[in-house]
C-alpha atoms as a PDB file:
ATOM      1  CA  UNK A   1       6.957  22.543  -1.861  1.00  0.00           C
ATOM      2  CA  UNK A   2       7.851  19.205  -0.270  1.00  0.00           C
ATOM      3  CA  UNK A   3       9.087  17.789  -3.596  1.00  0.00           C
ATOM      4  CA  UNK A   4      10.929  20.862  -4.844  1.00  0.00           C
ATOM      5  CA  UNK A   5      13.825  19.889  -7.084  1.00  0.00           C
ATOM      6  CA  UNK A   6      12.693  16.281  -7.377  1.00  0.00           C
ATOM      7  CA  UNK A   7      11.669  14.376 -10.495  1.00  0.00           C
ATOM      8  CA  UNK A   8       9.018  11.682 -10.784  1.00  0.00           C
ATOM      9  CA  UNK A   9       7.518   9.160 -13.191  1.00  0.00           C
ATOM     10  CA  UNK A  10       3.899   8.190 -12.584  1.00  0.00           C
ATOM     11  CA  UNK A  11       2.554   5.295 -14.647  1.00  0.00           C
ATOM     12  CA  UNK A  12      -1.157   5.255 -15.339  1.00  0.00           C
ATOM     13  CA  UNK A  13      -0.950   8.992 -14.785  1.00  0.00           C
ATOM     14  CA  UNK A  14      -3.555   9.933 -17.366  1.00  0.00           C
ATOM     15  CA  UNK A  15      -6.595   9.281 -15.165  1.00  0.00           C
ATOM     16  CA  UNK A  16      -7.846   8.234 -11.742  1.00  0.00           C
ATOM     17  CA  UNK A  17      -5.420   7.865  -8.858  1.00  0.00           C
ATOM     18  CA  UNK A  18      -2.411   8.434 -11.113  1.00  0.00           C
ATOM     19  CA  UNK A  19      -3.678  11.782 -12.357  1.00  0.00           C
ATOM     20  CA  UNK A  20      -4.405  12.847  -8.782  1.00  0.00           C
ATOM     21  CA  UNK A  21      -0.886  11.933  -7.726  1.00  0.00           C
ATOM     22  CA  UNK A  22       0.620  13.727 -10.730  1.00  0.00           C
ATOM     23  CA  UNK A  23      -1.275  16.928  -9.920  1.00  0.00           C
ATOM     24  CA  UNK A  24      -0.294  16.831  -6.229  1.00  0.00           C
ATOM     25  CA  UNK A  25       3.357  16.143  -6.942  1.00  0.00           C
ATOM     26  CA  UNK A  26       3.495  19.046  -9.391  1.00  0.00           C
ATOM     27  CA  UNK A  27       1.847  21.335  -6.834  1.00  0.00           C
ATOM     28  CA  UNK A  28       4.605  20.364  -4.392  1.00  0.00           C
ATOM     29  CA  UNK A  29       7.367  21.301  -6.818  1.00  0.00           C
ATOM     30  CA  UNK A  30       8.225  18.067  -8.623  1.00  0.00           C
ATOM     31  CA  UNK A  31       8.907  17.758 -12.322  1.00  0.00           C
ATOM     32  CA  UNK A  32       6.598  14.961 -13.412  1.00  0.00           C
ATOM     33  CA  UNK A  33       6.482  12.534 -16.320  1.00  0.00           C
ATOM     34  CA  UNK A  34       2.873  11.442 -16.841  1.00  0.00           C
ATOM     35  CA  UNK A  35       3.123   8.000 -18.439  1.00  0.00           C
ATOM     36  CA  UNK A  36       0.045   6.205 -19.715  1.00  0.00           C
ATOM     37  CA  UNK A  37      -0.984   3.743 -22.401  1.00  0.00           C
ATOM     38  CA  UNK A  38      -3.492   6.433 -23.432  1.00  0.00           C
ATOM     39  CA  UNK A  39      -1.167   9.043 -24.938  1.00  0.00           C
ATOM     40  CA  UNK A  40      -3.925  11.665 -25.233  1.00  0.00           C
ATOM     41  CA  UNK A  41      -4.868  11.314 -21.562  1.00  0.00           C
ATOM     42  CA  UNK A  42      -1.227  11.591 -20.540  1.00  0.00           C
ATOM     43  CA  UNK A  43      -0.811  14.692 -22.692  1.00  0.00           C
ATOM     44  CA  UNK A  44      -3.874  16.355 -21.171  1.00  0.00           C
ATOM     45  CA  UNK A  45      -2.685  15.873 -17.590  1.00  0.00           C
ATOM     46  CA  UNK A  46       0.882  16.833 -18.466  1.00  0.00           C
ATOM     47  CA  UNK A  47      -0.306  20.046 -20.148  1.00  0.00           C
ATOM     48  CA  UNK A  48      -2.342  20.912 -17.063  1.00  0.00           C
ATOM     49  CA  UNK A  49       0.587  20.511 -14.657  1.00  0.00           C
ATOM     50  CA  UNK A  50       3.480  21.558 -16.888  1.00  0.00           C
ATOM     51  CA  UNK A  51       4.797  18.015 -16.997  1.00  0.00           C
ATOM     52  CA  UNK A  52       6.121  15.630 -19.621  1.00  0.00           C
ATOM     53  CA  UNK A  53       3.771  13.172 -21.355  1.00  0.00           C
ATOM     54  CA  UNK A  54       4.899   9.704 -22.361  1.00  0.00           C
ATOM     55  CA  UNK A  55       2.963   6.897 -23.976  1.00  0.00           C
ATOM     56  CA  UNK A  56       3.868   3.556 -22.407  1.00  0.00           C
ATOM     57  CA  UNK A  57       2.699  -0.035 -22.255  1.00  0.00           C
ATOM     58  CA  UNK A  58       3.997  -1.006 -18.814  1.00  0.00           C
ATOM     59  CA  UNK A  59       3.788  -4.707 -19.697  1.00  0.00           C
ATOM     60  CA  UNK A  60       6.209  -4.304 -22.624  1.00  0.00           C
ATOM     61  CA  UNK A  61       9.952  -4.239 -21.978  1.00  0.00           C
ATOM     62  CA  UNK A  62      10.878  -2.057 -24.957  1.00  0.00           C
ATOM     63  CA  UNK A  63       8.142   0.447 -24.111  1.00  0.00           C
ATOM     64  CA  UNK A  64       9.255   0.715 -20.477  1.00  0.00           C
ATOM     65  CA  UNK A  65      12.866   1.091 -21.599  1.00  0.00           C
ATOM     66  CA  UNK A  66      11.837   3.964 -23.874  1.00  0.00           C
ATOM     67  CA  UNK A  67       9.931   5.600 -21.007  1.00  0.00           C
ATOM     68  CA  UNK A  68      12.935   5.366 -18.699  1.00  0.00           C
ATOM     69  CA  UNK A  69      15.278   6.783 -21.345  1.00  0.00           C
ATOM     70  CA  UNK A  70      12.912   9.670 -22.126  1.00  0.00           C
ATOM     71  CA  UNK A  71      12.649  10.591 -18.443  1.00  0.00           C
ATOM     72  CA  UNK A  72      16.389  10.449 -17.810  1.00  0.00           C
ATOM     73  CA  UNK A  73      17.155  12.346 -21.017  1.00  0.00           C
ATOM     74  CA  UNK A  74      14.757  15.126 -20.011  1.00  0.00           C
ATOM     75  CA  UNK A  75      15.284  15.238 -16.238  1.00  0.00           C
ATOM     76  CA  UNK A  76      18.885  14.076 -15.920  1.00  0.00           C
ATOM     77  CA  UNK A  77      17.958  12.020 -12.871  1.00  0.00           C
ATOM     78  CA  UNK A  78      14.960  10.282 -11.344  1.00  0.00           C
ATOM     79  CA  UNK A  79      14.021  10.600  -7.691  1.00  0.00           C
ATOM     80  CA  UNK A  80      10.531   9.067  -7.527  1.00  0.00           C
ATOM     81  CA  UNK A  81       8.830   6.212  -9.381  1.00  0.00           C
ATOM     82  CA  UNK A  82       5.127   5.532  -8.855  1.00  0.00           C
ATOM     83  CA  UNK A  83       3.968   2.192 -10.269  1.00  0.00           C
ATOM     84  CA  UNK A  84       0.285   3.081 -10.493  1.00  0.00           C
ATOM     85  CA  UNK A  85      -0.860   1.527 -13.785  1.00  0.00           C
ATOM     86  CA  UNK A  86      -3.212  -1.380 -13.173  1.00  0.00           C
ATOM     87  CA  UNK A  87      -6.171  -3.318 -14.510  1.00  0.00           C
ATOM     88  CA  UNK A  88      -8.620  -5.947 -13.343  1.00  0.00           C
ATOM     89  CA  UNK A  89     -10.763  -8.694 -14.792  1.00  0.00           C
ATOM     90  CA  UNK A  90     -14.542  -8.510 -14.417  1.00  0.00           C
ATOM     91  CA  UNK A  91     -16.041 -10.146 -11.306  1.00  0.00           C
ATOM     92  CA  UNK A  92     -16.631 -13.820 -12.083  1.00  0.00           C
ATOM     93  CA  UNK A  93     -15.861 -17.297 -10.741  1.00  0.00           C
ATOM     94  CA  UNK A  94     -12.118 -17.914 -10.769  1.00  0.00           C
ATOM     95  CA  UNK A  95     -12.386 -20.809 -13.192  1.00  0.00           C
ATOM     96  CA  UNK A  96     -14.230 -18.675 -15.750  1.00  0.00           C
ATOM     97  CA  UNK A  97     -11.457 -16.096 -16.156  1.00  0.00           C
ATOM     98  CA  UNK A  98      -9.798 -16.682 -19.520  1.00  0.00           C
ATOM     99  CA  UNK A  99      -6.096 -17.306 -19.881  1.00  0.00           C
ATOM    100  CA  UNK A 100      -5.784 -14.083 -21.865  1.00  0.00           C
ATOM    101  CA  UNK A 101      -7.463 -12.104 -19.057  1.00  0.00           C
ATOM    102  CA  UNK A 102      -5.212 -13.714 -16.458  1.00  0.00           C
ATOM    103  CA  UNK A 103      -2.078 -13.018 -18.472  1.00  0.00           C
ATOM    104  CA  UNK A 104      -3.034  -9.375 -18.992  1.00  0.00           C
ATOM    105  CA  UNK A 105      -3.806  -8.752 -15.302  1.00  0.00           C
ATOM    106  CA  UNK A 106      -0.498 -10.271 -14.201  1.00  0.00           C
ATOM    107  CA  UNK A 107       1.411  -8.467 -16.951  1.00  0.00           C
ATOM    108  CA  UNK A 108       0.068  -5.013 -16.077  1.00  0.00           C
ATOM    109  CA  UNK A 109      -0.125  -5.398 -12.297  1.00  0.00           C
ATOM    110  CA  UNK A 110       2.969  -7.513 -11.617  1.00  0.00           C
ATOM    111  CA  UNK A 111       5.350  -7.721 -14.580  1.00  0.00           C
ATOM    112  CA  UNK A 112       5.264  -3.922 -14.864  1.00  0.00           C
ATOM    113  CA  UNK A 113       6.905  -3.576 -11.439  1.00  0.00           C
ATOM    114  CA  UNK A 114       9.676  -5.917 -12.581  1.00  0.00           C
ATOM    115  CA  UNK A 115      10.164  -3.974 -15.813  1.00  0.00           C
ATOM    116  CA  UNK A 116      10.328  -0.515 -14.238  1.00  0.00           C
ATOM    117  CA  UNK A 117      12.768  -1.882 -11.655  1.00  0.00           C
ATOM    118  CA  UNK A 118      14.834  -3.441 -14.424  1.00  0.00           C
ATOM    119  CA  UNK A 119      15.244  -0.104 -16.176  1.00  0.00           C
ATOM    120  CA  UNK A 120      15.312   2.392 -13.280  1.00  0.00           C
ATOM    121  CA  UNK A 121      16.547   0.759 -10.073  1.00  0.00           C
ATOM    122  CA  UNK A 122      20.157   0.760 -11.271  1.00  0.00           C
ATOM    123  CA  UNK A 123      19.984   4.522 -11.759  1.00  0.00           C
ATOM    124  CA  UNK A 124      18.574   5.063  -8.267  1.00  0.00           C
ATOM    125  CA  UNK A 125      21.179   2.772  -6.697  1.00  0.00           C
ATOM    126  CA  UNK A 126      23.945   4.686  -8.451  1.00  0.00           C
ATOM    127  CA  UNK A 127      22.564   7.932  -7.005  1.00  0.00           C
ATOM    128  CA  UNK A 128      22.290   6.411  -3.527  1.00  0.00           C
ATOM    129  CA  UNK A 129      18.736   7.667  -3.135  1.00  0.00           C
ATOM    130  CA  UNK A 130      15.215   7.276  -4.478  1.00  0.00           C
ATOM    131  CA  UNK A 131      11.632   6.450  -3.587  1.00  0.00           C
ATOM    132  CA  UNK A 132       9.484   3.821  -5.302  1.00  0.00           C
ATOM    133  CA  UNK A 133       5.765   3.624  -4.594  1.00  0.00           C
ATOM    134  CA  UNK A 134       3.661   0.684  -5.766  1.00  0.00           C
ATOM    135  CA  UNK A 135      -0.098   1.164  -5.889  1.00  0.00           C
ATOM    136  CA  UNK A 136      -1.440  -2.152  -4.625  1.00  0.00           C
ATOM    137  CA  UNK A 137      -4.930  -2.626  -3.162  1.00  0.00           C
ATOM    138  CA  UNK A 138      -6.958  -3.745  -0.180  1.00  0.00           C
ATOM    139  CA  UNK A 139      -7.698  -6.706  -2.478  1.00  0.00           C
ATOM    140  CA  UNK A 140      -4.211  -7.963  -1.645  1.00  0.00           C
ATOM    141  CA  UNK A 141      -4.964  -7.809   2.095  1.00  0.00           C
ATOM    142  CA  UNK A 142      -8.652  -8.715   2.326  1.00  0.00           C
ATOM    143  CA  UNK A 143      -9.604 -10.477  -0.945  1.00  0.00           C
ATOM    144  CA  UNK A 144     -13.129 -10.250  -2.322  1.00  0.00           C
ATOM    145  CA  UNK A 145     -14.818 -13.200  -4.031  1.00  0.00           C
ATOM    146  CA  UNK A 146     -14.989 -13.274  -7.830  1.00  0.00           C
ATOM    147  CA  UNK A 147     -11.890 -11.099  -8.265  1.00  0.00           C
ATOM    148  CA  UNK A 148      -9.511 -13.933  -7.484  1.00  0.00           C
ATOM    149  CA  UNK A 149      -6.638 -13.333  -9.882  1.00  0.00           C
ATOM    150  CA  UNK A 150      -6.793  -9.556  -9.446  1.00  0.00           C
ATOM    151  CA  UNK A 151      -6.579 -10.122  -5.674  1.00  0.00           C
ATOM    152  CA  UNK A 152      -3.573 -12.368  -6.225  1.00  0.00           C
ATOM    153  CA  UNK A 153      -1.795  -9.819  -8.412  1.00  0.00           C
ATOM    154  CA  UNK A 154      -2.117  -7.168  -5.707  1.00  0.00           C
ATOM    155  CA  UNK A 155      -0.920  -9.576  -3.024  1.00  0.00           C
ATOM    156  CA  UNK A 156       2.103 -10.157  -5.250  1.00  0.00           C
ATOM    157  CA  UNK A 157       2.619  -6.399  -5.429  1.00  0.00           C
ATOM    158  CA  UNK A 158       2.634  -6.074  -1.634  1.00  0.00           C
ATOM    159  CA  UNK A 159       5.174  -8.879  -1.251  1.00  0.00           C
ATOM    160  CA  UNK A 160       7.282  -7.421  -4.064  1.00  0.00           C
ATOM    161  CA  UNK A 161       7.277  -4.075  -2.242  1.00  0.00           C
ATOM    162  CA  UNK A 162       8.652  -5.641   0.932  1.00  0.00           C
ATOM    163  CA  UNK A 163      11.236  -7.700  -0.943  1.00  0.00           C
ATOM    164  CA  UNK A 164      12.393  -4.661  -2.915  1.00  0.00           C
ATOM    165  CA  UNK A 165      12.574  -2.582   0.263  1.00  0.00           C
ATOM    166  CA  UNK A 166      14.862  -5.077   2.000  1.00  0.00           C
ATOM    167  CA  UNK A 167      17.190  -5.411  -0.971  1.00  0.00           C
ATOM    168  CA  UNK A 168      17.384  -1.718  -1.850  1.00  0.00           C
ATOM    169  CA  UNK A 169      17.634  -0.227   1.647  1.00  0.00           C
ATOM    170  CA  UNK A 170      21.462  -0.464   1.767  1.00  0.00           C
ATOM    171  CA  UNK A 171      21.529   1.554  -1.463  1.00  0.00           C
ATOM    172  CA  UNK A 172      19.402   4.344   0.033  1.00  0.00           C
ATOM    173  CA  UNK A 173      16.319   3.525  -2.047  1.00  0.00           C
ATOM    174  CA  UNK A 174      12.981   3.278  -0.213  1.00  0.00           C
ATOM    175  CA  UNK A 175      10.071   1.184  -1.501  1.00  0.00           C
ATOM    176  CA  UNK A 176       6.520   1.436  -0.168  1.00  0.00           C
ATOM    177  CA  UNK A 177       3.000   0.650  -1.304  1.00  0.00           C
ATOM    178  CA  UNK A 178      -0.494   2.078  -0.952  1.00  0.00           C
ATOM    179  CA  UNK A 179      -3.574  -0.110  -0.562  1.00  0.00           C
ATOM    180  CA  UNK A 180      -6.625   1.872  -1.675  1.00  0.00           C
ATOM    181  CA  UNK A 181     -10.154   0.639  -1.491  1.00  0.00           C
ATOM    182  CA  UNK A 182     -12.079   1.051  -4.757  1.00  0.00           C
ATOM    183  CA  UNK A 183     -12.344   4.672  -5.800  1.00  0.00           C
ATOM    184  CA  UNK A 184     -14.036   6.980  -8.248  1.00  0.00           C
ATOM    185  CA  UNK A 185     -11.788   5.936 -11.122  1.00  0.00           C
ATOM    186  CA  UNK A 186     -12.325   4.330 -14.540  1.00  0.00           C
ATOM    187  CA  UNK A 187     -11.847   0.890 -12.900  1.00  0.00           C
ATOM    188  CA  UNK A 188     -14.753   1.225 -10.449  1.00  0.00           C
ATOM    189  CA  UNK A 189     -17.351  -0.249 -12.797  1.00  0.00           C
ATOM    190  CA  UNK A 190     -15.054  -3.181 -13.527  1.00  0.00           C
ATOM    191  CA  UNK A 191     -14.643  -3.936  -9.819  1.00  0.00           C
ATOM    192  CA  UNK A 192     -18.385  -3.884  -9.188  1.00  0.00           C
ATOM    193  CA  UNK A 193     -19.425  -5.640 -12.385  1.00  0.00           C
ATOM    194  CA  UNK A 194     -21.967  -2.925 -13.072  1.00  0.00           C
ATOM    195  CA  UNK A 195     -22.484   0.524 -11.609  1.00  0.00           C
ATOM    196  CA  UNK A 196     -25.926   0.897 -10.060  1.00  0.00           C
ATOM    197  CA  UNK A 197     -27.083   2.743  -6.907  1.00  0.00           C
ATOM    198  CA  UNK A 198     -27.870  -0.598  -5.256  1.00  0.00           C
ATOM    199  CA  UNK A 199     -24.452  -2.107  -5.952  1.00  0.00           C
ATOM    200  CA  UNK A 200     -22.720   1.094  -4.836  1.00  0.00           C
ATOM    201  CA  UNK A 201     -24.699   1.040  -1.581  1.00  0.00           C
ATOM    202  CA  UNK A 202     -23.695  -2.566  -0.894  1.00  0.00           C
ATOM    203  CA  UNK A 203     -20.050  -1.797  -1.623  1.00  0.00           C
ATOM    204  CA  UNK A 204     -20.016   1.350   0.523  1.00  0.00           C
ATOM    205  CA  UNK A 205     -21.549  -0.598   3.404  1.00  0.00           C
ATOM    206  CA  UNK A 206     -18.234  -2.497   3.675  1.00  0.00           C
ATOM    207  CA  UNK A 207     -16.260   0.745   4.206  1.00  0.00           C
ATOM    208  CA  UNK A 208     -16.579   2.104   7.773  1.00  0.00           C
ATOM    209  CA  UNK A 209     -15.987   5.715   6.716  1.00  0.00           C
ATOM    210  CA  UNK A 210     -18.738   5.273   4.146  1.00  0.00           C
ATOM    211  CA  UNK A 211     -17.100   6.551   0.966  1.00  0.00           C
ATOM    212  CA  UNK A 212     -14.779   5.493  -1.823  1.00  0.00           C
ATOM    213  CA  UNK A 213     -11.104   6.446  -2.017  1.00  0.00           C
ATOM    214  CA  UNK A 214     -10.539   9.587  -4.076  1.00  0.00           C
ATOM    215  CA  UNK A 215      -7.532  10.588  -6.192  1.00  0.00           C
ATOM    216  CA  UNK A 216      -6.897  13.302  -3.592  1.00  0.00           C
ATOM    217  CA  UNK A 217      -6.770  10.747  -0.765  1.00  0.00           C
ATOM    218  CA  UNK A 218      -4.230   8.715  -2.669  1.00  0.00           C
ATOM    219  CA  UNK A 219      -2.227  11.756  -3.712  1.00  0.00           C
ATOM    220  CA  UNK A 220      -1.830  12.990  -0.142  1.00  0.00           C
ATOM    221  CA  UNK A 221      -0.656   9.588   1.086  1.00  0.00           C
ATOM    222  CA  UNK A 222       1.672   9.201  -1.904  1.00  0.00           C
ATOM    223  CA  UNK A 223       3.136  12.650  -1.290  1.00  0.00           C
ATOM    224  CA  UNK A 224       4.064  11.741   2.277  1.00  0.00           C
ATOM    225  CA  UNK A 225       5.628   8.376   1.440  1.00  0.00           C
ATOM    226  CA  UNK A 226       7.637   9.808  -1.465  1.00  0.00           C
ATOM    227  CA  UNK A 227       8.816  12.900   0.421  1.00  0.00           C
ATOM    228  CA  UNK A 228      11.811  13.260   2.714  1.00  0.00           C
ATOM    229  CA  UNK A 229       9.365  13.368   5.628  1.00  0.00           C
ATOM    230  CA  UNK A 230       9.104   9.576   5.260  1.00  0.00           C
ATOM    231  CA  UNK A 231      12.870   9.018   5.122  1.00  0.00           C
ATOM    232  CA  UNK A 232      12.666   6.304   7.821  1.00  0.00           C
ATOM    233  CA  UNK A 233       9.746   4.455   6.216  1.00  0.00           C
ATOM    234  CA  UNK A 234      10.321   1.576   3.817  1.00  0.00           C
ATOM    235  CA  UNK A 235       8.577  -1.725   3.159  1.00  0.00           C
ATOM    236  CA  UNK A 236       5.203  -0.380   4.289  1.00  0.00           C
ATOM    237  CA  UNK A 237       1.889  -1.149   2.560  1.00  0.00           C
ATOM    238  CA  UNK A 238      -0.333   1.645   3.838  1.00  0.00           C
ATOM    239  CA  UNK A 239      -4.089   1.162   3.684  1.00  0.00           C
ATOM    240  CA  UNK A 240      -6.002   4.178   2.409  1.00  0.00           C
ATOM    241  CA  UNK A 241      -9.339   2.445   2.698  1.00  0.00           C
ATOM    242  CA  UNK A 242     -11.638   4.163   5.169  1.00  0.00           C
ATOM    243  CA  UNK A 243     -11.240   1.240   7.566  1.00  0.00           C
ATOM    244  CA  UNK A 244     -12.316  -1.536   5.210  1.00  0.00           C
ATOM    245  CA  UNK A 245      -9.501  -3.895   6.235  1.00  0.00           C
ATOM    246  CA  UNK A 246     -10.173  -3.631   9.967  1.00  0.00           C
END
């Protein structure tokens, strides 16, 4: 019960890493808002864990504002924010990515962090405490060809994490990030272009521990960084990648 009495919002909580984090946080005693652009997926996970479902487009200011208000109205306070929602463009030469694809990747992966901060950081500062966790990627540390603008968005996320950590530390708010390698999530096929045994084998050959990240791997790391056990840790981008970035 390491999160007993705490409240959390997890964006992109309806599937993949976000759902894994939501389940783990609930197991550890947190009251969790599962926020996702897919309202049905959010509702399914929330029903499973006894949480609160919220439909949200994290790239839209009004939608994020509504999410923040719903959480504060229900919980009274917010202790943990996990910026997990993210997308990618398909693997292709950088010059072939359309402007619309670029704008969407940056809106969901980068602008969303700005918007959640805009609507929730003031509350955390007023409370003098809080933990924000941004789900970045090994792509922001060790970029892969043909995912150029996705790589860049995750590098932005890592730098944003460090900048937020420095600014918010005097207010008692910690900000960290996780850098997963690709995992068994709905985005895996998009990262690889297509999902075949041969492509999986080539991808896994780049990971020393020889497997993808799982939602459970991410949830355990997220639990530590968002718990009081990590009270002296801020500005860290922790790789959960089986050694890929070595």
